[in-house]
């Protein structure tokens, strides 16, 4: 699902749309009012998330997700689509999948940087 807004630019970064009480989508990429434009080349896709046994509101969780998308200091792009916690776990998993059944994975995160 993608949202549209009037005008030539995609939805604003941080736009939250609730599908129902559990499922929500958040635009972690999108137009930035400060720049007056969208800094990307393609139409951004939203990040879906689901509420499961939480006392937090969807708006509060969306704020936290947005903050985590800005924490990758290893690149010049200040907003990523995925929160850094998910992105890093995925990258480490891509490395670990090449280990054999007898190989022992390294326990230190620095090994995977």
C-alpha atoms as a PDB file:
ATOM      1  CA  UNK A   1       0.000   0.000   0.000  1.00  0.00           C
ATOM      2  CA  UNK A   2       1.283   3.449  -0.871  1.00  0.00           C
ATOM      3  CA  UNK A   3      -0.153   6.787   0.093  1.00  0.00           C
ATOM      4  CA  UNK A   4      -0.426   9.726  -2.266  1.00  0.00           C
ATOM      5  CA  UNK A   5      -0.731  13.407  -1.515  1.00  0.00           C
ATOM      6  CA  UNK A   6      -1.637  16.317  -3.714  1.00  0.00           C
ATOM      7  CA  UNK A   7       1.278  17.867  -5.544  1.00  0.00           C
ATOM      8  CA  UNK A   8       4.401  16.436  -7.143  1.00  0.00           C
ATOM      9  CA  UNK A   9       6.040  15.067  -3.987  1.00  0.00           C
ATOM     10  CA  UNK A  10       5.478  11.805  -2.077  1.00  0.00           C
ATOM     11  CA  UNK A  11       4.136  11.705   1.508  1.00  0.00           C
ATOM     12  CA  UNK A  12       6.128  13.481   4.181  1.00  0.00           C
ATOM     13  CA  UNK A  13       8.728  11.551   6.117  1.00  0.00           C
ATOM     14  CA  UNK A  14       7.062  10.426   9.340  1.00  0.00           C
ATOM     15  CA  UNK A  15       3.577  10.008   7.863  1.00  0.00           C
ATOM     16  CA  UNK A  16       1.739   7.326   9.827  1.00  0.00           C
ATOM     17  CA  UNK A  17      -1.340   5.540   8.513  1.00  0.00           C
ATOM     18  CA  UNK A  18      -3.304   3.097  10.676  1.00  0.00           C
ATOM     19  CA  UNK A  19      -4.920   0.225   8.807  1.00  0.00           C
ATOM     20  CA  UNK A  20      -6.640  -1.006  11.980  1.00  0.00           C
ATOM     21  CA  UNK A  21      -5.860  -1.086  15.709  1.00  0.00           C
ATOM     22  CA  UNK A  22      -2.875  -3.431  15.217  1.00  0.00           C
ATOM     23  CA  UNK A  23      -1.439  -2.783  11.741  1.00  0.00           C
ATOM     24  CA  UNK A  24       0.159   0.536  10.774  1.00  0.00           C
ATOM     25  CA  UNK A  25       2.447   1.818   8.039  1.00  0.00           C
ATOM     26  CA  UNK A  26       5.087   4.485   8.499  1.00  0.00           C
ATOM     27  CA  UNK A  27       6.947   6.444   5.856  1.00  0.00           C
ATOM     28  CA  UNK A  28      10.558   6.463   7.034  1.00  0.00           C
ATOM     29  CA  UNK A  29      11.562   8.066   3.735  1.00  0.00           C
ATOM     30  CA  UNK A  30       9.678  10.833   1.990  1.00  0.00           C
ATOM     31  CA  UNK A  31       9.488  14.543   1.363  1.00  0.00           C
ATOM     32  CA  UNK A  32      11.220  16.759   3.898  1.00  0.00           C
ATOM     33  CA  UNK A  33       9.602  20.181   4.465  1.00  0.00           C
ATOM     34  CA  UNK A  34      12.970  21.773   5.336  1.00  0.00           C
ATOM     35  CA  UNK A  35      14.318  20.980   1.857  1.00  0.00           C
ATOM     36  CA  UNK A  36      11.009  21.562   0.092  1.00  0.00           C
ATOM     37  CA  UNK A  37      11.460  18.370  -1.906  1.00  0.00           C
ATOM     38  CA  UNK A  38      12.028  14.629  -1.752  1.00  0.00           C
ATOM     39  CA  UNK A  39      15.750  13.818  -1.745  1.00  0.00           C
ATOM     40  CA  UNK A  40      15.344  10.346  -3.283  1.00  0.00           C
ATOM     41  CA  UNK A  41      15.132   9.081  -6.836  1.00  0.00           C
ATOM     42  CA  UNK A  42      12.174   6.721  -6.452  1.00  0.00           C
ATOM     43  CA  UNK A  43       8.762   6.731  -4.814  1.00  0.00           C
ATOM     44  CA  UNK A  44       9.385   5.635  -1.223  1.00  0.00           C
ATOM     45  CA  UNK A  45       7.684   2.577   0.195  1.00  0.00           C
ATOM     46  CA  UNK A  46       6.299   2.510   3.702  1.00  0.00           C
ATOM     47  CA  UNK A  47       7.500   0.375   6.593  1.00  0.00           C
ATOM     48  CA  UNK A  48       4.678  -1.762   8.005  1.00  0.00           C
ATOM     49  CA  UNK A  49       4.582  -2.550  11.706  1.00  0.00           C
ATOM     50  CA  UNK A  50       2.209  -4.422  13.978  1.00  0.00           C
ATOM     51  CA  UNK A  51       1.237  -3.712  17.574  1.00  0.00           C
ATOM     52  CA  UNK A  52       1.497  -6.759  19.845  1.00  0.00           C
ATOM     53  CA  UNK A  53       0.850  -6.505  23.588  1.00  0.00           C
ATOM     54  CA  UNK A  54       2.176  -3.006  24.150  1.00  0.00           C
ATOM     55  CA  UNK A  55       1.181  -0.115  26.351  1.00  0.00           C
ATOM     56  CA  UNK A  56       2.633   2.413  23.894  1.00  0.00           C
ATOM     57  CA  UNK A  57       0.588   4.189  21.279  1.00  0.00           C
ATOM     58  CA  UNK A  58       1.237   3.687  17.558  1.00  0.00           C
ATOM     59  CA  UNK A  59       2.375   7.313  17.379  1.00  0.00           C
ATOM     60  CA  UNK A  60       4.990   6.770  20.096  1.00  0.00           C
ATOM     61  CA  UNK A  61       6.317   3.606  18.424  1.00  0.00           C
ATOM     62  CA  UNK A  62       6.443   5.424  15.083  1.00  0.00           C
ATOM     63  CA  UNK A  63       8.545   8.199  16.673  1.00  0.00           C
ATOM     64  CA  UNK A  64      10.977   5.600  18.012  1.00  0.00           C
ATOM     65  CA  UNK A  65      11.180   3.838  14.647  1.00  0.00           C
ATOM     66  CA  UNK A  66      11.902   7.153  12.925  1.00  0.00           C
ATOM     67  CA  UNK A  67      14.676   7.908  15.407  1.00  0.00           C
ATOM     68  CA  UNK A  68      16.259   4.494  14.788  1.00  0.00           C
ATOM     69  CA  UNK A  69      16.284   5.087  11.015  1.00  0.00           C
ATOM     70  CA  UNK A  70      18.596   8.080  11.556  1.00  0.00           C
ATOM     71  CA  UNK A  71      21.221   6.192  13.570  1.00  0.00           C
ATOM     72  CA  UNK A  72      23.362   4.738  10.773  1.00  0.00           C
ATOM     73  CA  UNK A  73      26.398   6.992  10.957  1.00  0.00           C
ATOM     74  CA  UNK A  74      28.335   4.857   8.452  1.00  0.00           C
ATOM     75  CA  UNK A  75      26.655   6.562   5.515  1.00  0.00           C
ATOM     76  CA  UNK A  76      25.936  10.090   4.374  1.00  0.00           C
ATOM     77  CA  UNK A  77      22.215   9.481   3.901  1.00  0.00           C
ATOM     78  CA  UNK A  78      20.578  10.631   7.114  1.00  0.00           C
ATOM     79  CA  UNK A  79      17.427   8.567   6.810  1.00  0.00           C
ATOM     80  CA  UNK A  80      17.228   4.907   5.981  1.00  0.00           C
ATOM     81  CA  UNK A  81      14.148   2.862   5.257  1.00  0.00           C
ATOM     82  CA  UNK A  82      14.760   0.348   8.044  1.00  0.00           C
ATOM     83  CA  UNK A  83      15.656   1.042  11.668  1.00  0.00           C
ATOM     84  CA  UNK A  84      19.356   0.449  12.313  1.00  0.00           C
ATOM     85  CA  UNK A  85      18.583  -2.469  14.634  1.00  0.00           C
ATOM     86  CA  UNK A  86      16.846  -4.416  11.851  1.00  0.00           C
ATOM     87  CA  UNK A  87      19.335  -3.389   9.180  1.00  0.00           C
ATOM     88  CA  UNK A  88      22.345  -4.479  11.239  1.00  0.00           C
ATOM     89  CA  UNK A  89      20.748  -7.794  12.220  1.00  0.00           C
ATOM     90  CA  UNK A  90      20.020  -8.483   8.550  1.00  0.00           C
ATOM     91  CA  UNK A  91      23.603  -7.697   7.517  1.00  0.00           C
ATOM     92  CA  UNK A  92      25.076  -9.961  10.214  1.00  0.00           C
ATOM     93  CA  UNK A  93      22.642 -12.690   9.150  1.00  0.00           C
ATOM     94  CA  UNK A  94      23.863 -12.377   5.556  1.00  0.00           C
ATOM     95  CA  UNK A  95      27.380 -13.149   6.784  1.00  0.00           C
ATOM     96  CA  UNK A  96      26.364 -15.959   9.154  1.00  0.00           C
ATOM     97  CA  UNK A  97      24.478 -17.849   6.471  1.00  0.00           C
ATOM     98  CA  UNK A  98      27.826 -18.691   4.858  1.00  0.00           C
ATOM     99  CA  UNK A  99      29.051 -20.571   7.935  1.00  0.00           C
ATOM    100  CA  UNK A 100      29.180 -24.337   7.771  1.00  0.00           C
ATOM    101  CA  UNK A 101      27.496 -26.609  10.314  1.00  0.00           C
ATOM    102  CA  UNK A 102      30.777 -27.102  12.188  1.00  0.00           C
ATOM    103  CA  UNK A 103      31.832 -23.431  12.131  1.00  0.00           C
ATOM    104  CA  UNK A 104      31.530 -21.430  15.327  1.00  0.00           C
ATOM    105  CA  UNK A 105      30.300 -17.831  14.869  1.00  0.00           C
ATOM    106  CA  UNK A 106      32.225 -14.953  16.414  1.00  0.00           C
ATOM    107  CA  UNK A 107      30.549 -13.467  19.466  1.00  0.00           C
ATOM    108  CA  UNK A 108      31.896  -9.932  19.086  1.00  0.00           C
ATOM    109  CA  UNK A 109      29.927  -7.512  16.929  1.00  0.00           C
ATOM    110  CA  UNK A 110      33.134  -5.778  15.788  1.00  0.00           C
ATOM    111  CA  UNK A 111      33.970  -8.899  13.776  1.00  0.00           C
ATOM    112  CA  UNK A 112      30.992  -8.222  11.479  1.00  0.00           C
ATOM    113  CA  UNK A 113      31.596  -4.521  10.859  1.00  0.00           C
END
